[in-house]
Amino acid sequence: MELKIEKGIFKIFQLEEISKALETGLSKNYHSVKVEVVDCPNLRDWNCPSEGISGNQKIIDVGGEPYMHDPRYIGTEFDYEKISKRIGSEKSYAFGAGSGAMSCLEGHCGELVINENLISGESKSLIARVGEDKSCIVEEYRDKKHGGLGNIYYNDGVKGKVIKMNIKKRKGEQGSLPQSIRTALLENLSLKNNNHLALAGVFRVLNGKIRSHIQPDYKDIKHEYYDANLMKCTKDFLQFFEPVGPKLQCYSVLWTGDPTGGKLNLRETGEHTHFHSYENKNDAGHYHFDVTPEDIEYEGYFNTAQEVHRVNNIYKELTQKK
């Protein structure tokens, strides 16, 4: 796959300003909220392959739903190490969410938890896929490829100032922490004229449980679910799991909007979060939202990204063909 890369620049906000906006906004959705700027702890204590999440901070948004679900493109794959070299991030701690590369999974589909130190070669990446009995299977993943879509945060892996969040007990309607973060930023920062920002981080579900999904293998999807004209999925086809947790570790990439005003066709949800359990081997996948508002408790560390690199904007390509 030939790489076609476009770039957008996010507005720079001070971490203290972001922290205040988050505490104000998140307090509308959760009973207990503490957000502060701290020195990043050694994330190796969380079994990450790097100490921190600072330095040369960038995110990528790769591909899209047509690459995953349009019969013309199913099987498309991208090498995120090659992408890192193209954007000046070849010596990075890379983490985030993507689809599994079918060529690396004997034709299976899966949810890829990207968690890799591209400096040392140390990888903690995992793949979650659906077993024949509809159970969740979690395995090590040592390839550098992901499937037709992905969102990754690249950074130098050094310790620096970060935003720490401690959150307990949801009272609002929004069950997704990343979506709650996006709403808090949109409502409490001045983001006019496409002055958007991006955050990425590692957070834990200390207590409570969530809803998650894994994409099943294509042969197991027995109905039409994708509209090629709309370039999106219109019917459920995923394998959902509920309840899952606690003791989950999540890797999240999120942004408030497109700094180019829509030219990049960024992922519609504005976030992408995958997780694994740090206690139970067979819990992993795509995080949706909590299902136990009374019990939910999060702790996490986030940092900003200065740039977004849009890799192979399939929506732009297909629109131009029409």
C-alpha atoms as a PDB file:
ATOM      1  CA  MET A   1       0.000   0.000   0.000  1.00  0.00           C
ATOM      2  CA  GLU A   2       1.495   3.327  -1.084  1.00  0.00           C
ATOM      3  CA  LEU A   3       1.402   5.781   1.809  1.00  0.00           C
ATOM      4  CA  LYS A   4      -0.310   9.129   1.195  1.00  0.00           C
ATOM      5  CA  ILE A   5       0.068  11.450   4.172  1.00  0.00           C
ATOM      6  CA  GLU A   6      -1.458  14.854   4.942  1.00  0.00           C
ATOM      7  CA  LYS A   7      -0.842  16.917   8.068  1.00  0.00           C
ATOM      8  CA  GLY A   8      -2.828  19.127  10.422  1.00  0.00           C
ATOM      9  CA  ILE A   9      -1.552  21.259  13.312  1.00  0.00           C
ATOM     10  CA  PHE A  10      -3.343  21.468  16.652  1.00  0.00           C
ATOM     11  CA  LYS A  11      -3.496  24.596  18.783  1.00  0.00           C
ATOM     12  CA  ILE A  12      -1.146  24.564  21.757  1.00  0.00           C
ATOM     13  CA  PHE A  13      -2.900  24.815  25.112  1.00  0.00           C
ATOM     14  CA  GLN A  14      -1.052  24.758  28.424  1.00  0.00           C
ATOM     15  CA  LEU A  15      -1.606  21.575  30.419  1.00  0.00           C
ATOM     16  CA  GLU A  16      -2.896  23.649  33.363  1.00  0.00           C
ATOM     17  CA  GLU A  17      -5.551  25.223  31.127  1.00  0.00           C
ATOM     18  CA  ILE A  18      -6.615  21.813  29.806  1.00  0.00           C
ATOM     19  CA  SER A  19      -6.649  20.386  33.314  1.00  0.00           C
ATOM     20  CA  LYS A  20      -9.032  23.083  34.592  1.00  0.00           C
ATOM     21  CA  ALA A  21     -11.354  22.599  31.613  1.00  0.00           C
ATOM     22  CA  LEU A  22     -11.409  18.855  32.216  1.00  0.00           C
ATOM     23  CA  GLU A  23     -12.135  19.143  35.924  1.00  0.00           C
ATOM     24  CA  THR A  24     -14.988  21.570  35.243  1.00  0.00           C
ATOM     25  CA  GLY A  25     -16.501  19.504  32.433  1.00  0.00           C
ATOM     26  CA  LEU A  26     -16.016  16.027  33.871  1.00  0.00           C
ATOM     27  CA  SER A  27     -17.610  17.088  37.149  1.00  0.00           C
ATOM     28  CA  LYS A  28     -20.913  17.325  35.285  1.00  0.00           C
ATOM     29  CA  ASN A  29     -20.738  13.613  34.448  1.00  0.00           C
ATOM     30  CA  TYR A  30     -19.004  12.093  37.496  1.00  0.00           C
ATOM     31  CA  HIS A  31     -19.450  12.540  41.252  1.00  0.00           C
ATOM     32  CA  SER A  32     -15.746  12.535  42.118  1.00  0.00           C
ATOM     33  CA  VAL A  33     -13.256  14.217  39.771  1.00  0.00           C
ATOM     34  CA  LYS A  34      -9.655  15.213  40.412  1.00  0.00           C
ATOM     35  CA  VAL A  35      -7.570  16.470  37.480  1.00  0.00           C
ATOM     36  CA  GLU A  36      -4.066  17.838  37.995  1.00  0.00           C
ATOM     37  CA  VAL A  37      -0.762  18.383  36.204  1.00  0.00           C
ATOM     38  CA  VAL A  38       1.922  16.089  37.628  1.00  0.00           C
ATOM     39  CA  ASP A  39       5.289  14.615  36.776  1.00  0.00           C
ATOM     40  CA  CYS A  40       4.633  11.427  34.857  1.00  0.00           C
ATOM     41  CA  PRO A  41       5.281   8.321  36.951  1.00  0.00           C
ATOM     42  CA  ASN A  42       7.345   5.514  35.492  1.00  0.00           C
ATOM     43  CA  LEU A  43       4.760   3.809  33.290  1.00  0.00           C
ATOM     44  CA  ARG A  44       6.857   0.646  33.269  1.00  0.00           C
ATOM     45  CA  ASP A  45       5.187   0.122  36.634  1.00  0.00           C
ATOM     46  CA  TRP A  46       1.992  -0.276  34.539  1.00  0.00           C
ATOM     47  CA  ASN A  47       3.833  -2.772  32.322  1.00  0.00           C
ATOM     48  CA  CYS A  48       4.201  -0.262  29.478  1.00  0.00           C
ATOM     49  CA  PRO A  49       7.326  -0.646  27.319  1.00  0.00           C
ATOM     50  CA  SER A  50       8.412   2.938  28.051  1.00  0.00           C
ATOM     51  CA  GLU A  51       8.774   5.219  31.056  1.00  0.00           C
ATOM     52  CA  GLY A  52       6.739   8.200  29.831  1.00  0.00           C
ATOM     53  CA  ILE A  53       4.549   9.713  27.119  1.00  0.00           C
ATOM     54  CA  SER A  54       6.329  12.991  26.348  1.00  0.00           C
ATOM     55  CA  GLY A  55       8.466  14.358  23.519  1.00  0.00           C
ATOM     56  CA  ASN A  56       7.744  14.885  19.800  1.00  0.00           C
ATOM     57  CA  GLN A  57       4.053  14.127  20.363  1.00  0.00           C
ATOM     58  CA  LYS A  58       1.972  13.276  17.278  1.00  0.00           C
ATOM     59  CA  ILE A  59      -1.096  11.253  16.402  1.00  0.00           C
ATOM     60  CA  ILE A  60      -2.048   9.475  13.205  1.00  0.00           C
ATOM     61  CA  ASP A  61      -5.438   8.580  11.777  1.00  0.00           C
ATOM     62  CA  VAL A  62      -5.103   5.800   9.229  1.00  0.00           C
ATOM     63  CA  GLY A  63      -7.551   4.605   6.585  1.00  0.00           C
ATOM     64  CA  GLY A  64     -11.209   4.183   7.471  1.00  0.00           C
ATOM     65  CA  GLU A  65     -14.280   1.966   7.287  1.00  0.00           C
ATOM     66  CA  PRO A  66     -14.150   1.403   3.499  1.00  0.00           C
ATOM     67  CA  TYR A  67     -10.773  -0.311   3.873  1.00  0.00           C
ATOM     68  CA  MET A  68     -12.328  -2.624   6.442  1.00  0.00           C
ATOM     69  CA  HIS A  69     -15.762  -3.336   4.990  1.00  0.00           C
ATOM     70  CA  ASP A  70     -15.957  -2.481   1.282  1.00  0.00           C
ATOM     71  CA  PRO A  71     -15.358  -5.802  -0.535  1.00  0.00           C
ATOM     72  CA  ARG A  72     -12.994  -4.019  -2.930  1.00  0.00           C
ATOM     73  CA  TYR A  73     -10.581  -3.154  -0.125  1.00  0.00           C
ATOM     74  CA  ILE A  74     -10.917  -5.826   2.570  1.00  0.00           C
ATOM     75  CA  GLY A  75      -7.460  -7.025   3.541  1.00  0.00           C
ATOM     76  CA  THR A  76      -5.793  -3.618   3.225  1.00  0.00           C
ATOM     77  CA  GLU A  77      -2.909  -3.292   5.676  1.00  0.00           C
ATOM     78  CA  PHE A  78      -0.534  -0.601   6.916  1.00  0.00           C
ATOM     79  CA  ASP A  79       2.886  -0.792   8.558  1.00  0.00           C
ATOM     80  CA  TYR A  80       2.928   1.637  11.484  1.00  0.00           C
ATOM     81  CA  GLU A  81       6.713   1.481  11.805  1.00  0.00           C
ATOM     82  CA  LYS A  82       7.062   2.625   8.176  1.00  0.00           C
ATOM     83  CA  ILE A  83       4.540   5.391   8.869  1.00  0.00           C
ATOM     84  CA  SER A  84       6.600   6.485  11.892  1.00  0.00           C
ATOM     85  CA  LYS A  85       9.641   6.968   9.647  1.00  0.00           C
ATOM     86  CA  ARG A  86       7.645   9.063   7.189  1.00  0.00           C
ATOM     87  CA  ILE A  87       6.494  11.505   9.872  1.00  0.00           C
ATOM     88  CA  GLY A  88       9.743  11.820  11.844  1.00  0.00           C
ATOM     89  CA  SER A  89       8.685   9.533  14.700  1.00  0.00           C
ATOM     90  CA  GLU A  90      10.782   6.457  14.038  1.00  0.00           C
ATOM     91  CA  LYS A  91      12.239   6.532  17.563  1.00  0.00           C
ATOM     92  CA  SER A  92       8.992   6.473  19.501  1.00  0.00           C
ATOM     93  CA  TYR A  93       6.824   4.879  22.094  1.00  0.00           C
ATOM     94  CA  ALA A  94       3.747   4.080  19.996  1.00  0.00           C
ATOM     95  CA  PHE A  95       0.398   3.182  21.486  1.00  0.00           C
ATOM     96  CA  GLY A  96      -3.208   3.182  20.385  1.00  0.00           C
ATOM     97  CA  ALA A  97      -5.961   1.252  18.666  1.00  0.00           C
ATOM     98  CA  GLY A  98      -6.214  -0.461  15.310  1.00  0.00           C
ATOM     99  CA  SER A  99      -7.649  -3.430  13.508  1.00  0.00           C
ATOM    100  CA  GLY A 100      -5.518  -6.532  13.293  1.00  0.00           C
ATOM    101  CA  ALA A 101      -3.721  -7.317  10.054  1.00  0.00           C
ATOM    102  CA  MET A 102      -5.365 -10.422   8.596  1.00  0.00           C
ATOM    103  CA  SER A 103      -2.131 -11.600   6.967  1.00  0.00           C
ATOM    104  CA  CYS A 104      -0.603 -11.818  10.446  1.00  0.00           C
ATOM    105  CA  LEU A 105      -3.605 -13.659  11.918  1.00  0.00           C
ATOM    106  CA  GLU A 106      -4.095 -16.539   9.471  1.00  0.00           C
ATOM    107  CA  GLY A 107      -7.023 -14.672   7.956  1.00  0.00           C
ATOM    108  CA  HIS A 108      -8.738 -13.821  11.231  1.00  0.00           C
ATOM    109  CA  CYS A 109      -9.964 -10.360  12.265  1.00  0.00           C
ATOM    110  CA  GLY A 110      -9.256  -8.746  15.611  1.00  0.00           C
ATOM    111  CA  GLU A 111      -8.864  -5.672  17.760  1.00  0.00           C
ATOM    112  CA  LEU A 112      -5.232  -4.615  18.053  1.00  0.00           C
ATOM    113  CA  VAL A 113      -3.899  -3.000  21.222  1.00  0.00           C
ATOM    114  CA  ILE A 114      -0.775  -1.226  19.949  1.00  0.00           C
ATOM    115  CA  ASN A 115       1.766  -0.819  22.744  1.00  0.00           C
ATOM    116  CA  GLU A 116       5.314  -0.787  21.410  1.00  0.00           C
ATOM    117  CA  ASN A 117       8.672   0.852  21.960  1.00  0.00           C
ATOM    118  CA  LEU A 118      10.075   1.471  18.474  1.00  0.00           C
ATOM    119  CA  ILE A 119      13.378   2.600  20.005  1.00  0.00           C
ATOM    120  CA  SER A 120      14.268  -0.591  21.853  1.00  0.00           C
ATOM    121  CA  GLY A 121      12.023  -2.981  19.931  1.00  0.00           C
ATOM    122  CA  GLU A 122      10.201  -3.986  23.112  1.00  0.00           C
ATOM    123  CA  SER A 123       6.582  -4.826  22.356  1.00  0.00           C
ATOM    124  CA  LYS A 124       3.610  -5.351  24.663  1.00  0.00           C
ATOM    125  CA  SER A 125       1.038  -5.313  21.855  1.00  0.00           C
ATOM    126  CA  LEU A 126      -1.900  -7.715  22.001  1.00  0.00           C
ATOM    127  CA  ILE A 127      -4.626  -8.901  19.645  1.00  0.00           C
ATOM    128  CA  ALA A 128      -8.157  -9.754  20.746  1.00  0.00           C
ATOM    129  CA  ARG A 129     -10.241 -11.948  18.454  1.00  0.00           C
ATOM    130  CA  VAL A 130     -13.461 -13.950  18.584  1.00  0.00           C
ATOM    131  CA  GLY A 131     -13.156 -17.677  19.189  1.00  0.00           C
ATOM    132  CA  GLU A 132     -15.380 -20.329  17.636  1.00  0.00           C
ATOM    133  CA  ASP A 133     -17.455 -20.380  20.822  1.00  0.00           C
ATOM    134  CA  LYS A 134     -17.830 -16.547  20.679  1.00  0.00           C
ATOM    135  CA  SER A 135     -15.364 -16.150  23.543  1.00  0.00           C
ATOM    136  CA  CYS A 136     -12.593 -13.558  23.611  1.00  0.00           C
ATOM    137  CA  ILE A 137      -9.141 -14.864  22.715  1.00  0.00           C
ATOM    138  CA  VAL A 138      -6.163 -12.642  23.595  1.00  0.00           C
ATOM    139  CA  GLU A 139      -2.695 -13.291  22.177  1.00  0.00           C
ATOM    140  CA  GLU A 140       0.643 -11.553  21.848  1.00  0.00           C
ATOM    141  CA  TYR A 141       1.082  -9.604  18.594  1.00  0.00           C
ATOM    142  CA  ARG A 142       4.606  -8.910  17.397  1.00  0.00           C
ATOM    143  CA  ASP A 143       4.030  -7.655  13.853  1.00  0.00           C
ATOM    144  CA  LYS A 144       4.259  -3.985  12.839  1.00  0.00           C
ATOM    145  CA  LYS A 145       1.149  -4.064  10.657  1.00  0.00           C
ATOM    146  CA  HIS A 146      -2.439  -3.147  11.361  1.00  0.00           C
ATOM    147  CA  GLY A 147      -5.523  -3.485   9.183  1.00  0.00           C
ATOM    148  CA  GLY A 148      -7.571  -0.884   7.347  1.00  0.00           C
ATOM    149  CA  LEU A 149      -7.929   1.632  10.147  1.00  0.00           C
ATOM    150  CA  GLY A 150      -5.957   2.752  13.181  1.00  0.00           C
ATOM    151  CA  ASN A 151      -5.197   5.622  15.531  1.00  0.00           C
ATOM    152  CA  ILE A 152      -1.779   5.798  17.141  1.00  0.00           C
ATOM    153  CA  TYR A 153       0.047   8.239  19.423  1.00  0.00           C
ATOM    154  CA  TYR A 154       3.782   8.570  18.842  1.00  0.00           C
ATOM    155  CA  ASN A 155       6.065  10.152  21.450  1.00  0.00           C
ATOM    156  CA  ASP A 156       9.669   9.952  22.604  1.00  0.00           C
ATOM    157  CA  GLY A 157       8.730   7.819  25.606  1.00  0.00           C
ATOM    158  CA  VAL A 158      10.342  10.160  28.132  1.00  0.00           C
ATOM    159  CA  LYS A 159       8.901  11.349  31.413  1.00  0.00           C
ATOM    160  CA  GLY A 160       7.552  14.893  31.609  1.00  0.00           C
ATOM    161  CA  LYS A 161       4.545  16.845  32.803  1.00  0.00           C
ATOM    162  CA  VAL A 162       1.223  15.075  32.160  1.00  0.00           C
ATOM    163  CA  ILE A 163      -2.430  15.393  33.109  1.00  0.00           C
ATOM    164  CA  LYS A 164      -3.458  12.929  35.808  1.00  0.00           C
ATOM    165  CA  MET A 165      -7.133  12.021  36.245  1.00  0.00           C
ATOM    166  CA  ASN A 166      -8.841  10.290  39.161  1.00  0.00           C
ATOM    167  CA  ILE A 167     -12.546   9.779  38.494  1.00  0.00           C
ATOM    168  CA  LYS A 168     -15.237   7.870  40.389  1.00  0.00           C
ATOM    169  CA  LYS A 169     -18.956   7.174  40.121  1.00  0.00           C
ATOM    170  CA  ARG A 170     -20.808   8.392  37.036  1.00  0.00           C
ATOM    171  CA  LYS A 171     -23.931  10.526  37.441  1.00  0.00           C
ATOM    172  CA  GLY A 172     -24.429  11.699  33.836  1.00  0.00           C
ATOM    173  CA  GLU A 173     -25.625   9.985  30.664  1.00  0.00           C
ATOM    174  CA  GLN A 174     -22.270   9.725  28.860  1.00  0.00           C
ATOM    175  CA  GLY A 175     -20.761   6.342  29.732  1.00  0.00           C
ATOM    176  CA  SER A 176     -17.545   6.742  27.729  1.00  0.00           C
ATOM    177  CA  LEU A 177     -14.635   8.413  29.493  1.00  0.00           C
ATOM    178  CA  PRO A 178     -12.920   9.529  26.240  1.00  0.00           C
ATOM    179  CA  GLN A 179     -16.187  11.019  24.977  1.00  0.00           C
ATOM    180  CA  SER A 180     -16.705  12.731  28.324  1.00  0.00           C
ATOM    181  CA  ILE A 181     -13.201  14.190  27.990  1.00  0.00           C
ATOM    182  CA  ARG A 182     -13.984  15.449  24.487  1.00  0.00           C
ATOM    183  CA  THR A 183     -17.204  17.089  25.663  1.00  0.00           C
ATOM    184  CA  ALA A 184     -15.430  18.732  28.603  1.00  0.00           C
ATOM    185  CA  LEU A 185     -12.809  20.210  26.274  1.00  0.00           C
ATOM    186  CA  LEU A 186     -15.335  21.353  23.667  1.00  0.00           C
ATOM    187  CA  GLU A 187     -17.472  23.086  26.285  1.00  0.00           C
ATOM    188  CA  ASN A 188     -14.722  24.645  28.415  1.00  0.00           C
ATOM    189  CA  LEU A 189     -11.939  25.700  26.035  1.00  0.00           C
ATOM    190  CA  SER A 190     -11.961  28.290  23.263  1.00  0.00           C
ATOM    191  CA  LEU A 191     -11.851  26.062  20.181  1.00  0.00           C
ATOM    192  CA  LYS A 192     -13.241  28.447  17.570  1.00  0.00           C
ATOM    193  CA  ASN A 193     -11.864  28.691  14.020  1.00  0.00           C
ATOM    194  CA  ASN A 194     -10.657  25.078  14.072  1.00  0.00           C
ATOM    195  CA  ASN A 195      -8.369  25.675  17.043  1.00  0.00           C
ATOM    196  CA  HIS A 196      -8.663  22.052  18.078  1.00  0.00           C
ATOM    197  CA  LEU A 197      -6.496  19.913  20.314  1.00  0.00           C
ATOM    198  CA  ALA A 198      -5.675  16.246  20.749  1.00  0.00           C
ATOM    199  CA  LEU A 199      -4.965  14.149  23.820  1.00  0.00           C
ATOM    200  CA  ALA A 200      -3.678  10.615  24.183  1.00  0.00           C
ATOM    201  CA  GLY A 201      -3.138   8.570  27.267  1.00  0.00           C
ATOM    202  CA  VAL A 202      -3.131   5.386  29.277  1.00  0.00           C
ATOM    203  CA  PHE A 203      -5.924   4.924  31.812  1.00  0.00           C
ATOM    204  CA  ARG A 204      -7.092   2.137  34.054  1.00  0.00           C
ATOM    205  CA  VAL A 205     -10.538   0.904  34.989  1.00  0.00           C
ATOM    206  CA  LEU A 206      -9.795   0.254  38.664  1.00  0.00           C
ATOM    207  CA  ASN A 207     -13.373  -0.641  39.591  1.00  0.00           C
ATOM    208  CA  GLY A 208     -16.583  -1.210  37.671  1.00  0.00           C
ATOM    209  CA  LYS A 209     -17.246  -2.843  34.345  1.00  0.00           C
ATOM    210  CA  ILE A 210     -17.566  -1.849  30.688  1.00  0.00           C
ATOM    211  CA  ARG A 211     -19.077  -2.846  27.340  1.00  0.00           C
ATOM    212  CA  SER A 212     -16.616  -3.795  24.600  1.00  0.00           C
ATOM    213  CA  HIS A 213     -16.518  -5.329  21.138  1.00  0.00           C
ATOM    214  CA  ILE A 214     -14.343  -7.390  18.836  1.00  0.00           C
ATOM    215  CA  GLN A 215     -14.832  -7.612  15.099  1.00  0.00           C
ATOM    216  CA  PRO A 216     -15.697 -11.221  14.153  1.00  0.00           C
ATOM    217  CA  ASP A 217     -14.222 -12.928  11.113  1.00  0.00           C
ATOM    218  CA  TYR A 218     -15.956 -11.939   7.869  1.00  0.00           C
ATOM    219  CA  LYS A 219     -17.125 -15.501   7.233  1.00  0.00           C
ATOM    220  CA  ASP A 220     -19.131 -15.341  10.470  1.00  0.00           C
ATOM    221  CA  ILE A 221     -21.069 -12.201   9.495  1.00  0.00           C
ATOM    222  CA  LYS A 222     -24.230 -13.516   7.840  1.00  0.00           C
ATOM    223  CA  HIS A 223     -25.895 -10.258   6.740  1.00  0.00           C
ATOM    224  CA  GLU A 224     -25.176  -7.126   4.723  1.00  0.00           C
ATOM    225  CA  TYR A 225     -24.062  -4.367   7.060  1.00  0.00           C
ATOM    226  CA  TYR A 226     -22.024  -1.893   4.971  1.00  0.00           C
ATOM    227  CA  ASP A 227     -23.314   0.827   2.623  1.00  0.00           C
ATOM    228  CA  ALA A 228     -20.713   1.601  -0.049  1.00  0.00           C
ATOM    229  CA  ASN A 229     -22.491   4.818  -1.085  1.00  0.00           C
ATOM    230  CA  LEU A 230     -22.496   6.181   2.458  1.00  0.00           C
ATOM    231  CA  MET A 231     -19.005   4.715   3.034  1.00  0.00           C
ATOM    232  CA  LYS A 232     -20.031   3.478   6.474  1.00  0.00           C
ATOM    233  CA  CYS A 233     -21.508   0.561   8.398  1.00  0.00           C
ATOM    234  CA  THR A 234     -25.275   0.836   8.816  1.00  0.00           C
ATOM    235  CA  LYS A 235     -26.103  -2.324  10.803  1.00  0.00           C
ATOM    236  CA  ASP A 236     -24.551  -4.023  13.814  1.00  0.00           C
ATOM    237  CA  PHE A 237     -22.147  -6.816  12.979  1.00  0.00           C
ATOM    238  CA  LEU A 238     -19.736  -6.751  15.910  1.00  0.00           C
ATOM    239  CA  GLN A 239     -19.353  -9.262  18.724  1.00  0.00           C
ATOM    240  CA  PHE A 240     -20.150  -7.402  21.948  1.00  0.00           C
ATOM    241  CA  PHE A 241     -18.984  -8.343  25.435  1.00  0.00           C
ATOM    242  CA  GLU A 242     -20.654  -7.090  28.617  1.00  0.00           C
ATOM    243  CA  PRO A 243     -19.839  -6.795  31.427  1.00  0.00           C
ATOM    244  CA  VAL A 244     -16.025  -6.746  31.189  1.00  0.00           C
ATOM    245  CA  GLY A 245     -13.681  -5.745  33.993  1.00  0.00           C
ATOM    246  CA  PRO A 246     -12.495  -4.394  36.297  1.00  0.00           C
ATOM    247  CA  LYS A 247      -8.673  -4.194  36.273  1.00  0.00           C
ATOM    248  CA  LEU A 248      -8.483  -2.985  32.666  1.00  0.00           C
ATOM    249  CA  GLN A 249      -5.763  -0.853  31.057  1.00  0.00           C
ATOM    250  CA  CYS A 250      -6.864   1.362  28.158  1.00  0.00           C
ATOM    251  CA  TYR A 251      -4.875   3.165  25.454  1.00  0.00           C
ATOM    252  CA  SER A 252      -6.782   6.129  24.077  1.00  0.00           C
ATOM    253  CA  VAL A 253      -6.280   8.644  21.262  1.00  0.00           C
ATOM    254  CA  LEU A 254      -8.806  11.501  21.030  1.00  0.00           C
ATOM    255  CA  TRP A 255      -9.255  14.904  19.435  1.00  0.00           C
ATOM    256  CA  THR A 256     -11.877  17.659  19.593  1.00  0.00           C
ATOM    257  CA  GLY A 257     -12.097  18.164  15.818  1.00  0.00           C
ATOM    258  CA  ASP A 258     -10.256  18.509  12.535  1.00  0.00           C
ATOM    259  CA  PRO A 259      -7.765  21.420  12.620  1.00  0.00           C
ATOM    260  CA  THR A 260      -8.024  21.684   8.819  1.00  0.00           C
ATOM    261  CA  GLY A 261     -11.774  22.256   8.943  1.00  0.00           C
ATOM    262  CA  GLY A 262     -12.742  18.823   7.644  1.00  0.00           C
ATOM    263  CA  LYS A 263     -10.266  18.211   4.840  1.00  0.00           C
ATOM    264  CA  LEU A 264      -8.695  15.242   6.614  1.00  0.00           C
ATOM    265  CA  ASN A 265     -11.916  13.249   7.152  1.00  0.00           C
ATOM    266  CA  LEU A 266     -10.825  12.220  10.629  1.00  0.00           C
ATOM    267  CA  ARG A 267     -12.553   9.321  12.381  1.00  0.00           C
ATOM    268  CA  GLU A 268     -16.137  10.444  13.062  1.00  0.00           C
ATOM    269  CA  THR A 269     -16.187   9.484  16.733  1.00  0.00           C
ATOM    270  CA  GLY A 270     -13.194  11.702  17.527  1.00  0.00           C
ATOM    271  CA  GLU A 271     -11.579   8.968  19.593  1.00  0.00           C
ATOM    272  CA  HIS A 272     -10.368   5.381  19.490  1.00  0.00           C
ATOM    273  CA  THR A 273      -9.679   3.347  22.623  1.00  0.00           C
ATOM    274  CA  HIS A 274      -8.563  -0.264  23.005  1.00  0.00           C
ATOM    275  CA  PHE A 275      -7.798  -2.122  26.233  1.00  0.00           C
ATOM    276  CA  HIS A 276      -6.519  -5.250  27.874  1.00  0.00           C
ATOM    277  CA  SER A 277      -6.816  -6.582  31.394  1.00  0.00           C
ATOM    278  CA  TYR A 278      -3.819  -6.407  33.662  1.00  0.00           C
ATOM    279  CA  GLU A 279      -5.110  -9.367  35.690  1.00  0.00           C
ATOM    280  CA  ASN A 280      -7.277 -11.556  33.426  1.00  0.00           C
ATOM    281  CA  LYS A 281      -5.545 -12.745  30.255  1.00  0.00           C
ATOM    282  CA  ASN A 282      -8.725 -13.155  28.199  1.00  0.00           C
ATOM    283  CA  ASP A 283     -10.146  -9.626  28.483  1.00  0.00           C
ATOM    284  CA  ALA A 284      -9.258  -7.194  25.689  1.00  0.00           C
ATOM    285  CA  GLY A 285     -10.836  -5.334  22.794  1.00  0.00           C
ATOM    286  CA  HIS A 286     -12.453  -2.031  21.863  1.00  0.00           C
ATOM    287  CA  TYR A 287     -13.696   0.057  24.814  1.00  0.00           C
ATOM    288  CA  HIS A 288     -17.212   1.504  24.489  1.00  0.00           C
ATOM    289  CA  PHE A 289     -18.523   2.747  27.845  1.00  0.00           C
ATOM    290  CA  ASP A 290     -19.052   1.753  31.447  1.00  0.00           C
ATOM    291  CA  VAL A 291     -22.120  -0.286  32.403  1.00  0.00           C
ATOM    292  CA  THR A 292     -21.805   0.128  36.196  1.00  0.00           C
ATOM    293  CA  PRO A 293     -22.050   3.888  36.860  1.00  0.00           C
ATOM    294  CA  GLU A 294     -22.200   3.453  40.646  1.00  0.00           C
ATOM    295  CA  ASP A 295     -18.958   1.484  40.738  1.00  0.00           C
ATOM    296  CA  ILE A 296     -16.862   2.924  37.921  1.00  0.00           C
ATOM    297  CA  GLU A 297     -13.451   4.277  38.879  1.00  0.00           C
ATOM    298  CA  TYR A 298     -10.699   5.469  36.542  1.00  0.00           C
ATOM    299  CA  GLU A 299      -7.100   6.575  36.924  1.00  0.00           C
ATOM    300  CA  GLY A 300      -5.049   7.769  33.970  1.00  0.00           C
ATOM    301  CA  TYR A 301      -2.284   9.901  32.482  1.00  0.00           C
ATOM    302  CA  PHE A 302      -2.718  11.999  29.337  1.00  0.00           C
ATOM    303  CA  ASN A 303      -0.637  14.308  27.179  1.00  0.00           C
ATOM    304  CA  THR A 304      -1.211  16.529  24.167  1.00  0.00           C
ATOM    305  CA  ALA A 305      -0.230  16.027  20.523  1.00  0.00           C
ATOM    306  CA  GLN A 306       0.973  18.872  18.320  1.00  0.00           C
ATOM    307  CA  GLU A 307       0.263  17.265  14.952  1.00  0.00           C
ATOM    308  CA  VAL A 308      -2.160  14.884  13.286  1.00  0.00           C
ATOM    309  CA  HIS A 309      -0.989  12.955  10.249  1.00  0.00           C
ATOM    310  CA  ARG A 310      -3.804  11.616   8.080  1.00  0.00           C
ATOM    311  CA  VAL A 311      -2.656   8.453   6.340  1.00  0.00           C
ATOM    312  CA  ASN A 312      -4.486   7.329   3.184  1.00  0.00           C
ATOM    313  CA  ASN A 313      -7.709   9.303   3.387  1.00  0.00           C
ATOM    314  CA  ILE A 314      -9.931   6.730   1.663  1.00  0.00           C
ATOM    315  CA  TYR A 315     -13.021   8.948   2.008  1.00  0.00           C
ATOM    316  CA  LYS A 316     -11.372  11.714  -0.042  1.00  0.00           C
ATOM    317  CA  GLU A 317     -10.234   9.184  -2.643  1.00  0.00           C
ATOM    318  CA  LEU A 318     -13.670   7.605  -3.053  1.00  0.00           C
ATOM    319  CA  THR A 319     -15.452  10.966  -3.177  1.00  0.00           C
ATOM    320  CA  GLN A 320     -13.162  12.132  -5.984  1.00  0.00           C
ATOM    321  CA  LYS A 321     -13.999   8.975  -7.954  1.00  0.00           C
ATOM    322  CA  LYS A 322     -17.755   9.668  -7.868  1.00  0.00           C
END
